[in-house]
Amino acid sequence: MYEVPDQTGQYAVVTGANSGTGKEAARRLAAAGAHVVLAVRTVAKGEAARAEILARHPGALLDVRRIDLADLGSVAEFADALIADGVPLDLLVNNAGVMIPPERMLTADGFELQFGTNFLGPFALTLRLLPLLLAAPAPRVATMSSGMANFGRIEFDDLQWQRQYRRVRAYAQSKLADLMMGRRLAAIAAERGWPLLSTIAHPGITRTNLQTAGPSLGRDRPSAVDRMLLRLDLTPSQDVEQGTEPLLVAAVSPDAVQGAYYGPSRWFEMVGPTKRARIPRRALDDNSGARLWATAEQLTGVSLSTVAA
């Protein structure tokens, strides 16, 4: 089990911290001494997660704040509130996401739900929080991708899947975009001489509610086909404690490398202890990474020039 180094005095934001890898990451960061903001869409679920963590770690420093990554207005409100507090941010963990909803759905801003929630929301949040991150002595941003990024392609001519919705391909695109965002942020930090470390992780096949929550959107439960496809006993899988470790290594390990990608080490990166993961060929295309970044700035209305002059 990966042991999180001492985080006393560190201020961290973890999105999607009410369940799964987000809650586990928040718990272990707080147990190591960090002051953690549980950034969640549903405050009641965040408070329940906070109570659960406090039951195990009574001295944990935890706040619950609302953010809906599928609503850029909510992202702005969340970031503005943190900036108003004026506390430098040591760590941002972009963890929250949605997976393969059964039909094409839209965010509050009209984006395809997976591209908007998994990529554009975290992109806007990261840029809006850059002033607080750059006010910290050694800030870090860790972004959760997925092994599905290996199968992703950035469909620049139809990013929102308006012509024909393919939910698995749309999910793979969104997670490839996360990986490319993390690498591009690392390159920008190096170019500008920022002390910021940007890393990326994927959890392999980890048992969380992500696999059922997405396919259930708009339905009482996943379809029979979804239940068959998502049966994790058909492939090697791991519990959330193990599955969160690549994200924690990316977030806090003193050995983490700028722009590196971390994931499980066994069974084709499905399970096991953390190692440097293989970066898909498409994610290594720096021209596509720069184009995607510029496109995200245009779509979200949030750019480096406005938030980190």
Foldseek 3Di string as FASTA:
>chain_A
DDQFAQQAPAEEEFEPCLWFLNVLLLLRNQLSHYQYEYEYQDQVSVVVSVVVSCVVVVVGHYHYDYAQQLDLVRLLVVLVVVVVVVAAHAEYEADDFAAQAPDFDHGPLGAGRRLRRLALSVLQNCLSNVVSPLVDPAHEYEYEAAPLLLVEDCPVVCLRCPVHDDRSRNNNPNRVLRLLQLLVVLVVCVVVVGNYAGEYEYQAAEDICNLWPRHCVVHPTHDPVSVVVSPCVVDDYYYRNQSSQQRSCRTGPPPHDGSWYKAADDDQRRGHHIDTDDRHPNSPPVVVSVVSSVVSCVSSVRDNVPNPD
